[in-house]
Structures are given as C-alpha cells and as structure tokens.
Amino acid sequence: MKQRFSAWMQKEAARSILASILSILIGLVVGCVIVLIVAATSDNLSLSSAWDGIRLIVGGIFSTGRDAAGQLTFGFNPTNLGNMLFRATPLILTGLSVAVAFKTGLFNIGAPGQYLMGTMVTLMLALGIPTETVPAALVWIIAFLGGCLAGAVWGAIPGLLKAFLNINEVLACIMTNWLAANLVTWMFDMSNFKNVVENTKSGYIYKTTYNGVATPKMGLDHIFPNSQVNMGILIAILIAILMYVIMSKTTLGYQLKACGANRHAARYAGIQDKRNIVLSMAIAGALSGAGAALYYLAGNTEFYWSTYQSLPATGFNGIPVALLAVNHPIGVIFTSCFMSMLDISGLQLTNLTAYNEYITDVIIATIVYLSAFSLVIKMFISGRKKRKARQTAAVLPQPDTPPAGETPPPAPEAQKGGEGA
C-alpha cells in the first residue's frame, strides 16, 4: 500500500490534487483561528460561541438550527444542500470558462463581462418574447442559447486582439469587462424591463417568471424542498462532462492544448493557431454566458441593473474554482460545490451566531491566494519527496567499492581458473 501511494505521488496530477487539498485545509484553519481571535477579544463572545462558529465553518451545510436548549443541531438539511447546488450552477460554468482558457495558454479574466452580456441577452429574450404566442419552453431555449451566443461574441473580442494584434488577453479582458458593465447598464436603463410593479424594486429587472419563463425543477424540489435548485445544475454538470470529452478525447481539444503549450510549434505542425486562440476565448465566453443564463432563467432571481457599480463576483470566483480544480473540467464541479458550501456556511454563521458571514470571505480569499501559489506548494511537496528519498538511500547499505586507483578483486571463479592454468 505504501509503495502504491509513493508511486501515485510521483504523478504530476497527484501533487496538484494534494496542493489543492492543502490550500483548502489551510484556508479552513485560518477561518477557525479568526473565529477564536474574535471570541477572545470580544466581551460579548465566549469560547463556547467560538466552538459553534468553528463547527458552522466546517459543517454549516449540515446545520439544522438550534434546539429548545439553544444548542446547535446538525443533520441532513435538504434546503441547504439544494441552495448549495443552485449557487454552484453558475460557478461551474464560469470555472469551466477560466479552465478551458487556461488549458489553451490564455488567462480569461473577462468572465465577469461575458457573464454580464449573457445576462442582458438572456433576460431581454426571456422577457421580451411574448409567451402568449411562443411556448414558454421554446422561449427558455432561445434565451439560453442567446445568452451563450452573447458570451461567445464578447469572449471572442479579446481572442481576436490576442491572435491578430498580439495584445495581452488580460488587458483586453479588463477593457471588455467594463465596457460590458456600462453597456448593460445603458441598455437596461432605456428598456421597459425594470420592475415598476413593485415600487421598492424599481432598480431591478423583472424575474423571468413575470413572462411565465422558468427552468423546470425536474423533481429536485421534492428531493431538496424549500430550496432554489432546478434542472440548471444537471445542465451544468452535462456541460462539464462535454468539455472534458472535447478537451481530452477530440482533435479539437488536442489542437487547442497544443496552441496553449507552444503557439509557434503548433503553427509549424500545421495547426491554425490564430483560429484556435479566437475559438478558445469564444468557447470560454459561451460558458460564462451559459452560467448567467442558467442563473437568471431559474425564475427566482432578480438582476440589479445598475451594474456599473461593480462587476459580478461570480465571474471572478471562476478563477479560484478553476485553480483548485487544476483546470480539470470534472474537478470544477466539486470545487464549485465547495465554494458554494462556504457561502452557505457564511449565511449560517450570520443567522445562528454573533459572527459575521465575511469570515467565510476571508477563508475564500486565503484559499484563492494559496491556490495561486499551488506551484510553490507542489515544489515543496516534491522537495520533501526528494529529501526523503536521499535519506532512505543514505540509510541503506551500499556495496563495497575499492579505493581510487585500485582494481576490484577477481571473482572466485576467475581465481580458480588462474590456479588451474
């Protein structure tokens, strides 16, 4: 068993996974330490409240509230689990967006802008096409595909600038992010999609249910009652599997990764590098747009149209999701669920204790920084393995070697042969 584990640790993927796990564990430890420090320095908090905070950080997804005696209770909480899956849906797709670009040697920091453009086109189509004449299911499909297409077009812009003008994609993506923010604000500002029915929500766009358009639950509301989860999580998982197949099992995926490994070598081998760079960013943009479409087509979420005030965090959170998953499409599913679980834990902290949900933001920030230094962690792990191998070699007995300038003694057979001659 030990030999198998050592052989597994020699693989690059194994060290990457271990680096991600260490990043998560260190982030959770930092959060627990912050809870202890806050409890020790506050007059209104005690060590028992610190213990409650630590338990909610680690297992807040399973919290069921407090009992009659005021003690925290834990168990299967279908509402929390369902909300976690709902929050993970757009994260899976923005994480895939960043991961696919990483695989092709590009850093897609433009996911927030692509997400916004997908949001705008999705909501305009879902609310603008009358369901009295077009079936609501068809409107949903049109709105979803429209959101994907809008994200693809917006993602292709940095790809074109990179491929034909060699402009750094990070700078181009930052530019397109703020262009999208202001364009979306302007378009919604002059539209009639603002919520004027509820006077207190005039700064919001109508939910898609206002037009009778919503993602079907597919029975998930019975498994996770009182939660927001719907079929969107299943679509996101299917897209992640599809991206894994494309990137690992197809000629297109090989060409995209070849361009990312060495653009000039790929061109020498006959691969159209410029086309693949643009295509890679377009695919990344389509994935971000799909995440926005699935989130707002749920029918239970509202969009605040004054987006110029800030870019959507979901787009940026795709970066740590991809880093923790080592840019693996299947791994993105699990890291997205983990990030969503931390969001739920933060809400539980606020609702059930005197602590603030921003503690979980510190945990996420710590994990993000550590995941960015995953290469350093992998080097540290590799260094320990090498030192251990050298120590083991030093302990093992070495064969006798003659001093320099002397020849080794002949074998017994050779001695006998010489005497007989």
Protein backbone atom coordinates (compact mmCIF):
# COMPACT_ATOMS: atom_id res chain seq x y z
CA MET A 1 0.00 0.00 0.00
CA LYS A 2 2.82 2.36 0.89
CA GLN A 3 4.58 1.64 -2.39
CA ARG A 4 1.37 2.33 -4.33
CA PHE A 5 0.94 5.65 -2.54
CA SER A 6 4.57 6.59 -3.28
CA ALA A 7 4.09 5.70 -6.94
CA TRP A 8 0.89 7.76 -7.05
CA MET A 9 2.66 10.74 -5.50
CA GLN A 10 5.22 10.69 -8.31
CA LYS A 11 2.49 11.78 -10.73
CA GLU A 12 2.02 15.46 -11.51
CA ALA A 13 -1.77 15.22 -11.14
CA ALA A 14 -1.42 13.71 -7.66
CA ARG A 15 0.79 16.56 -6.47
CA SER A 16 -1.65 19.07 -7.95
CA ILE A 17 -4.58 17.48 -6.12
CA LEU A 18 -2.64 17.41 -2.86
CA ALA A 19 -1.71 21.08 -3.31
CA SER A 20 -5.39 21.99 -3.74
CA ILE A 21 -6.38 19.98 -0.65
CA LEU A 22 -3.66 21.69 1.39
CA SER A 23 -4.90 25.09 0.20
CA ILE A 24 -8.43 24.25 1.34
CA LEU A 25 -7.30 22.90 4.71
CA ILE A 26 -5.09 25.91 5.41
CA GLY A 27 -7.95 28.24 4.47
CA LEU A 28 -10.32 26.48 6.87
CA VAL A 29 -7.71 26.60 9.65
CA VAL A 30 -7.26 30.34 9.08
CA GLY A 31 -11.03 30.81 9.38
CA CYS A 32 -11.13 28.86 12.63
CA VAL A 33 -8.24 30.89 14.03
CA ILE A 34 -10.07 34.13 13.15
CA VAL A 35 -13.15 32.88 15.00
CA LEU A 36 -11.01 32.14 18.09
CA ILE A 37 -9.34 35.57 17.93
CA VAL A 38 -12.70 37.35 17.62
CA ALA A 39 -14.09 35.36 20.57
CA ALA A 40 -11.01 36.07 22.71
CA THR A 41 -11.03 39.81 22.02
CA SER A 42 -14.78 40.41 22.29
CA ASP A 43 -16.64 40.99 25.53
CA ASN A 44 -19.88 39.62 24.09
CA LEU A 45 -18.50 36.29 22.86
CA SER A 46 -17.25 33.23 24.70
CA LEU A 47 -15.25 30.13 23.87
CA SER A 48 -18.48 28.17 23.51
CA SER A 49 -19.61 30.60 20.81
CA ALA A 50 -16.22 30.13 19.16
CA TRP A 51 -16.81 26.39 19.11
CA ASP A 52 -20.20 27.00 17.47
CA GLY A 53 -18.55 29.21 14.85
CA ILE A 54 -15.86 26.64 14.07
CA ARG A 55 -18.45 23.88 13.67
CA LEU A 56 -20.50 26.04 11.31
CA ILE A 57 -17.45 26.87 9.21
CA VAL A 58 -16.58 23.21 8.80
CA GLY A 59 -20.08 21.75 8.54
CA GLY A 60 -22.52 24.63 8.17
CA ILE A 61 -24.14 22.94 5.19
CA PHE A 62 -25.48 20.28 7.59
CA SER A 63 -26.71 22.69 10.25
CA THR A 64 -30.41 22.36 11.08
CA GLY A 65 -30.64 25.29 13.50
CA ARG A 66 -30.84 25.30 17.28
CA ASP A 67 -32.85 23.09 19.61
CA ALA A 68 -35.03 24.18 22.53
CA ALA A 69 -31.96 24.40 24.77
CA GLY A 70 -30.22 26.71 22.30
CA GLN A 71 -27.67 24.14 21.16
CA LEU A 72 -26.66 23.82 17.52
CA THR A 73 -28.08 20.76 15.78
CA PHE A 74 -26.71 19.04 12.71
CA GLY A 75 -28.13 16.55 10.25
CA PHE A 76 -29.34 16.21 6.69
CA ASN A 77 -30.55 19.65 5.61
CA PRO A 78 -32.09 19.34 2.13
CA THR A 79 -32.77 23.08 1.86
CA ASN A 80 -29.13 24.00 2.42
CA LEU A 81 -27.94 21.30 0.03
CA GLY A 82 -30.38 22.41 -2.65
CA ASN A 83 -29.34 26.06 -2.31
CA MET A 84 -25.70 24.99 -2.48
CA LEU A 85 -26.34 23.21 -5.78
CA PHE A 86 -28.21 26.24 -7.11
CA ARG A 87 -25.33 28.57 -6.22
CA ALA A 88 -22.85 26.12 -7.71
CA THR A 89 -24.59 26.12 -11.10
CA PRO A 90 -23.16 29.41 -12.47
CA LEU A 91 -19.85 28.78 -10.69
CA ILE A 92 -19.37 25.50 -12.55
CA LEU A 93 -19.71 27.30 -15.87
CA THR A 94 -17.55 30.33 -15.03
CA GLY A 95 -14.97 27.91 -13.59
CA LEU A 96 -15.07 25.95 -16.84
CA SER A 97 -14.68 29.20 -18.74
CA VAL A 98 -11.45 30.01 -16.93
CA ALA A 99 -10.22 26.38 -17.02
CA VAL A 100 -10.70 25.98 -20.79
CA ALA A 101 -8.80 29.19 -21.45
CA PHE A 102 -6.03 28.08 -19.08
CA LYS A 103 -5.74 24.81 -20.98
CA THR A 104 -5.06 26.76 -24.15
CA GLY A 105 -2.50 29.07 -22.53
CA LEU A 106 -4.85 32.03 -22.04
CA PHE A 107 -5.94 33.78 -18.84
CA ASN A 108 -9.64 34.60 -19.20
CA ILE A 109 -10.16 37.32 -16.63
CA GLY A 110 -13.04 38.56 -18.80
CA ALA A 111 -15.58 36.10 -17.38
CA PRO A 112 -17.46 38.89 -15.48
CA GLY A 113 -18.06 40.85 -18.70
CA GLN A 114 -19.07 37.74 -20.60
CA TYR A 115 -21.39 36.85 -17.71
CA LEU A 116 -23.00 40.30 -17.88
CA MET A 117 -23.55 40.14 -21.63
CA GLY A 118 -25.10 36.70 -21.24
CA THR A 119 -27.33 38.08 -18.50
CA MET A 120 -28.54 41.00 -20.62
CA VAL A 121 -29.38 39.00 -23.73
CA THR A 122 -30.95 36.17 -21.71
CA LEU A 123 -33.27 38.48 -19.77
CA MET A 124 -34.21 40.55 -22.79
CA LEU A 125 -35.17 37.46 -24.77
CA ALA A 126 -36.90 35.73 -21.85
CA LEU A 127 -38.94 38.83 -21.00
CA GLY A 128 -39.33 40.28 -24.50
CA ILE A 129 -40.75 37.31 -26.41
CA PRO A 130 -44.48 37.02 -25.61
CA THR A 131 -45.35 33.59 -24.23
CA GLU A 132 -48.93 34.07 -25.43
CA THR A 133 -47.77 33.31 -28.98
CA VAL A 134 -44.50 31.38 -28.37
CA PRO A 135 -44.41 28.40 -25.96
CA ALA A 136 -42.59 29.20 -22.72
CA ALA A 137 -40.29 26.19 -23.16
CA LEU A 138 -39.18 27.48 -26.58
CA VAL A 139 -38.63 30.95 -25.14
CA TRP A 140 -36.42 29.36 -22.46
CA ILE A 141 -34.31 27.59 -25.09
CA ILE A 142 -34.00 30.74 -27.21
CA ALA A 143 -32.99 32.81 -24.17
CA PHE A 144 -30.43 30.22 -23.04
CA LEU A 145 -28.83 29.94 -26.48
CA GLY A 146 -28.90 33.72 -26.84
CA GLY A 147 -27.04 34.13 -23.56
CA CYS A 148 -24.43 31.60 -24.68
CA LEU A 149 -24.00 33.37 -28.02
CA ALA A 150 -23.67 36.80 -26.38
CA GLY A 151 -20.96 35.49 -24.07
CA ALA A 152 -19.18 33.85 -27.01
CA VAL A 153 -19.15 37.08 -29.03
CA TRP A 154 -17.87 39.08 -26.07
CA GLY A 155 -15.21 36.46 -25.33
CA ALA A 156 -14.07 36.40 -28.96
CA ILE A 157 -13.09 40.08 -28.83
CA PRO A 158 -10.01 39.56 -26.58
CA GLY A 159 -9.28 36.42 -28.61
CA LEU A 160 -9.18 38.42 -31.86
CA LEU A 161 -6.98 41.10 -30.30
CA LYS A 162 -4.61 38.42 -29.00
CA ALA A 163 -4.49 36.40 -32.22
CA PHE A 164 -4.07 39.19 -34.77
CA LEU A 165 -2.58 42.10 -32.82
CA ASN A 166 -0.80 40.17 -30.04
CA ILE A 167 -2.49 42.33 -27.39
CA ASN A 168 -2.31 40.71 -23.97
CA GLU A 169 -5.63 39.00 -23.26
CA VAL A 170 -5.65 40.14 -19.62
CA LEU A 171 -5.63 43.82 -20.64
CA ALA A 172 -8.22 43.19 -23.34
CA CYS A 173 -10.46 41.29 -20.92
CA ILE A 174 -10.32 44.06 -18.31
CA MET A 175 -11.33 46.53 -21.01
CA THR A 176 -14.24 44.39 -22.20
CA ASN A 177 -15.38 43.82 -18.59
CA TRP A 178 -16.05 47.50 -18.01
CA LEU A 179 -17.41 48.01 -21.49
CA ALA A 180 -19.93 45.26 -20.75
CA ALA A 181 -20.82 46.75 -17.37
CA ASN A 182 -21.62 50.15 -18.83
CA LEU A 183 -23.30 48.76 -21.95
CA VAL A 184 -25.59 46.53 -19.90
CA THR A 185 -26.47 49.43 -17.61
CA TRP A 186 -27.26 51.69 -20.56
CA MET A 187 -29.37 49.07 -22.34
CA PHE A 188 -31.46 48.25 -19.27
CA ASP A 189 -31.75 51.89 -18.32
CA MET A 190 -33.62 52.68 -21.52
CA SER A 191 -35.59 49.42 -21.58
CA ASN A 192 -39.01 48.65 -20.18
CA PHE A 193 -37.79 45.58 -18.26
CA LYS A 194 -37.30 47.44 -14.97
CA ASN A 195 -39.57 46.25 -12.20
CA VAL A 196 -42.18 49.00 -11.87
CA VAL A 197 -44.84 46.70 -10.41
CA GLU A 198 -43.11 46.58 -7.02
CA ASN A 199 -42.33 50.20 -6.18
CA THR A 200 -39.48 49.24 -3.84
CA LYS A 201 -37.69 47.29 -6.58
CA SER A 202 -37.57 49.73 -9.48
CA GLY A 203 -33.79 49.21 -9.65
CA TYR A 204 -34.28 45.55 -10.51
CA ILE A 205 -35.20 43.71 -13.69
CA TYR A 206 -38.29 41.51 -13.61
CA LYS A 207 -37.84 37.86 -12.80
CA THR A 208 -38.34 35.66 -15.84
CA THR A 209 -41.44 34.18 -14.19
CA TYR A 210 -43.08 37.56 -14.93
CA ASN A 211 -43.32 36.26 -18.51
CA GLY A 212 -44.01 32.69 -17.47
CA VAL A 213 -40.46 31.50 -18.23
CA ALA A 214 -38.59 29.43 -15.63
CA THR A 215 -36.23 26.46 -15.53
CA PRO A 216 -38.14 23.26 -14.69
CA LYS A 217 -37.42 21.61 -11.36
CA MET A 218 -37.32 18.04 -12.72
CA GLY A 219 -38.39 16.68 -9.32
CA LEU A 220 -35.43 18.22 -7.50
CA ASP A 221 -37.81 20.34 -5.45
CA HIS A 222 -39.08 17.13 -3.84
CA ILE A 223 -35.57 15.93 -3.02
CA PHE A 224 -34.48 19.38 -1.77
CA PRO A 225 -37.69 21.05 -0.55
CA ASN A 226 -37.84 24.82 0.05
CA SER A 227 -34.64 25.37 -1.96
CA GLN A 228 -33.91 27.17 -5.23
CA VAL A 229 -32.35 24.20 -7.03
CA ASN A 230 -33.62 23.30 -10.50
CA MET A 231 -32.60 21.48 -13.66
CA GLY A 232 -29.82 24.01 -14.22
CA ILE A 233 -27.40 22.02 -12.06
CA LEU A 234 -27.91 18.96 -14.26
CA ILE A 235 -27.26 21.02 -17.41
CA ALA A 236 -24.10 22.48 -15.87
CA ILE A 237 -22.78 19.00 -14.98
CA LEU A 238 -23.53 17.74 -18.50
CA ILE A 239 -21.67 20.71 -19.99
CA ALA A 240 -18.68 19.98 -17.72
CA ILE A 241 -18.61 16.36 -18.89
CA LEU A 242 -18.92 17.50 -22.51
CA MET A 243 -15.98 19.89 -22.10
CA TYR A 244 -13.91 17.07 -20.59
CA VAL A 245 -14.64 14.88 -23.62
CA ILE A 246 -13.85 17.71 -26.05
CA MET A 247 -10.59 18.71 -24.38
CA SER A 248 -9.33 15.15 -23.74
CA LYS A 249 -10.76 12.95 -26.48
CA THR A 250 -11.09 15.03 -29.64
CA THR A 251 -8.80 16.53 -32.26
CA LEU A 252 -10.15 19.99 -31.49
CA GLY A 253 -9.16 19.67 -27.84
CA TYR A 254 -5.69 18.48 -28.80
CA GLN A 255 -5.22 21.44 -31.14
CA LEU A 256 -6.40 23.91 -28.51
CA LYS A 257 -4.00 22.49 -25.91
CA ALA A 258 -1.17 22.36 -28.44
CA CYS A 259 -1.61 26.08 -29.13
CA GLY A 260 -1.54 26.70 -25.39
CA ALA A 261 1.64 24.67 -24.90
CA ASN A 262 3.56 26.33 -27.73
CA ARG A 263 1.79 28.51 -30.25
CA HIS A 264 4.72 28.62 -32.67
CA ALA A 265 5.36 24.87 -32.57
CA ALA A 266 1.66 24.26 -33.16
CA ARG A 267 1.74 26.53 -36.21
CA TYR A 268 4.81 24.69 -37.51
CA ALA A 269 2.87 21.42 -37.14
CA GLY A 270 0.11 22.80 -39.34
CA ILE A 271 -2.36 23.86 -36.63
CA GLN A 272 -4.12 27.18 -37.24
CA ASP A 273 -3.04 28.96 -34.09
CA LYS A 274 -4.93 32.22 -34.67
CA ARG A 275 -8.21 30.44 -35.30
CA ASN A 276 -7.78 28.30 -32.19
CA ILE A 277 -6.97 31.26 -29.96
CA VAL A 278 -10.15 33.04 -31.05
CA LEU A 279 -12.15 29.81 -30.77
CA SER A 280 -10.80 29.14 -27.28
CA MET A 281 -11.88 32.56 -25.98
CA ALA A 282 -15.24 32.24 -27.73
CA ILE A 283 -15.86 28.89 -26.02
CA ALA A 284 -14.82 30.41 -22.70
CA GLY A 285 -17.21 33.31 -23.23
CA ALA A 286 -20.06 30.99 -24.20
CA LEU A 287 -19.56 29.05 -20.95
CA SER A 288 -19.73 32.25 -18.86
CA GLY A 289 -22.83 33.36 -20.75
CA ALA A 290 -24.39 29.95 -20.12
CA GLY A 291 -23.75 30.35 -16.39
CA ALA A 292 -25.57 33.69 -16.37
CA ALA A 293 -28.43 32.25 -18.43
CA LEU A 294 -28.98 29.31 -16.08
CA TYR A 295 -28.83 31.53 -13.01
CA TYR A 296 -31.40 34.10 -14.15
CA LEU A 297 -33.65 31.71 -16.07
CA ALA A 298 -34.28 29.97 -12.75
CA GLY A 299 -37.17 32.38 -12.31
CA ASN A 300 -36.43 33.08 -8.64
CA THR A 301 -33.51 35.50 -9.02
CA GLU A 302 -33.51 39.23 -9.73
CA PHE A 303 -30.94 41.28 -11.61
CA TYR A 304 -29.87 44.67 -10.28
CA TRP A 305 -29.45 46.66 -13.48
CA SER A 306 -27.00 49.34 -12.25
CA THR A 307 -24.10 47.01 -12.86
CA TYR A 308 -21.54 49.76 -13.42
CA GLN A 309 -21.16 49.96 -9.65
CA SER A 310 -19.47 46.56 -9.52
CA LEU A 311 -18.69 43.54 -11.68
CA PRO A 312 -20.39 40.24 -10.79
CA ALA A 313 -18.40 38.24 -8.26
CA THR A 314 -19.50 35.00 -9.92
CA GLY A 315 -17.26 35.77 -12.89
CA PHE A 316 -14.20 36.36 -10.74
CA ASN A 317 -14.93 33.37 -8.49
CA GLY A 318 -14.50 31.15 -11.52
CA ILE A 319 -10.74 31.79 -11.21
CA PRO A 320 -10.22 30.08 -7.80
CA VAL A 321 -12.68 27.36 -8.83
CA ALA A 322 -10.51 26.57 -11.86
CA LEU A 323 -7.26 26.83 -9.90
CA LEU A 324 -8.45 24.48 -7.16
CA ALA A 325 -9.67 22.02 -9.78
CA VAL A 326 -6.25 22.15 -11.52
CA ASN A 327 -8.19 23.24 -14.64
CA HIS A 328 -9.86 19.82 -14.88
CA PRO A 329 -13.48 20.09 -16.13
CA ILE A 330 -14.74 17.33 -13.82
CA GLY A 331 -12.84 18.75 -10.85
CA VAL A 332 -14.56 22.11 -11.45
CA ILE A 333 -17.88 20.51 -10.43
CA PHE A 334 -16.56 19.63 -6.97
CA THR A 335 -14.66 22.85 -6.33
CA SER A 336 -17.73 24.87 -7.32
CA CYS A 337 -19.81 22.94 -4.80
CA PHE A 338 -17.14 23.59 -2.16
CA MET A 339 -17.15 27.34 -2.81
CA SER A 340 -20.95 27.36 -2.67
CA MET A 341 -20.82 25.39 0.56
CA LEU A 342 -18.68 28.14 2.09
CA ASP A 343 -21.31 30.70 1.05
CA ILE A 344 -24.00 28.68 2.83
CA SER A 345 -21.75 28.36 5.90
CA GLY A 346 -21.36 32.15 5.92
CA LEU A 347 -25.13 32.62 5.94
CA GLN A 348 -25.42 30.09 8.77
CA LEU A 349 -22.79 32.00 10.76
CA THR A 350 -24.79 35.20 10.40
CA ASN A 351 -28.14 33.60 11.23
CA LEU A 352 -27.14 31.32 14.11
CA THR A 353 -24.23 33.09 15.80
CA ALA A 354 -22.95 36.58 16.53
CA TYR A 355 -20.23 36.16 13.92
CA ASN A 356 -20.28 37.79 10.51
CA GLU A 357 -20.50 35.93 7.22
CA TYR A 358 -17.45 37.83 5.99
CA ILE A 359 -15.31 35.34 7.89
CA THR A 360 -16.03 32.88 5.10
CA ASP A 361 -14.94 35.54 2.60
CA VAL A 362 -11.57 35.60 4.38
CA ILE A 363 -11.42 31.80 4.07
CA ILE A 364 -12.18 32.01 0.35
CA ALA A 365 -9.57 34.76 -0.09
CA THR A 366 -6.96 32.64 1.70
CA ILE A 367 -7.77 29.65 -0.48
CA VAL A 368 -7.58 31.83 -3.59
CA TYR A 369 -4.13 33.13 -2.68
CA LEU A 370 -2.86 29.65 -1.82
CA SER A 371 -4.31 28.15 -4.99
CA ALA A 372 -2.48 30.83 -6.94
CA PHE A 373 0.71 29.60 -5.26
CA SER A 374 -0.12 25.97 -5.97
CA LEU A 375 3.09 25.63 -7.99
CA VAL A 376 5.11 26.60 -4.92
CA ILE A 377 3.21 24.06 -2.82
CA LYS A 378 3.84 21.36 -5.42
CA MET A 379 7.54 22.22 -5.43
CA PHE A 380 7.55 21.98 -1.63
CA ILE A 381 5.89 18.56 -1.82
CA SER A 382 8.34 17.39 -4.49
CA GLY A 383 11.25 18.70 -2.43
CA ARG A 384 10.15 16.71 0.59
CA LYS A 385 9.83 13.57 -1.52
CA LYS A 386 13.36 14.05 -2.88
CA ARG A 387 14.83 14.66 0.57
CA LYS A 388 13.11 11.56 1.90
CA ALA A 389 14.49 9.51 -1.00
CA ARG A 390 18.02 10.77 -0.31
CA GLN A 391 17.70 9.95 3.40
CA THR A 392 16.47 6.47 2.57
CA ALA A 393 19.37 5.93 0.18
CA ALA A 394 21.84 7.06 2.84
CA VAL A 395 20.47 4.57 5.39
CA LEU A 396 20.54 1.57 3.05
CA PRO A 397 23.84 -0.43 2.96
CA GLN A 398 25.99 0.40 -0.04
CA PRO A 399 28.13 -2.19 -1.92
CA ASP A 400 31.86 -2.17 -1.10
CA THR A 401 33.86 -0.12 -3.60
CA PRO A 402 37.67 -0.19 -3.90
CA PRO A 403 39.68 2.93 -3.25
CA ALA A 404 40.55 5.10 -6.19
CA GLY A 405 43.32 3.67 -8.37
CA GLU A 406 42.83 0.04 -7.26
CA THR A 407 41.18 -2.72 -9.24
CA PRO A 408 38.45 -4.79 -7.62
CA PRO A 409 39.44 -8.34 -6.52
CA PRO A 410 38.70 -11.06 -9.10
CA ALA A 411 35.67 -13.29 -8.71
CA PRO A 412 36.22 -16.71 -7.06
CA GLU A 413 35.70 -18.47 -10.41
CA ALA A 414 38.42 -16.40 -12.02
CA GLN A 415 40.87 -17.21 -9.16
CA LYS A 416 40.27 -20.96 -9.55
CA GLY A 417 40.73 -20.77 -13.31
CA GLY A 418 44.05 -19.00 -12.90
CA GLU A 419 45.42 -21.58 -10.47
CA GLY A 420 44.46 -24.48 -12.79
CA ALA A 421 46.26 -22.88 -15.69
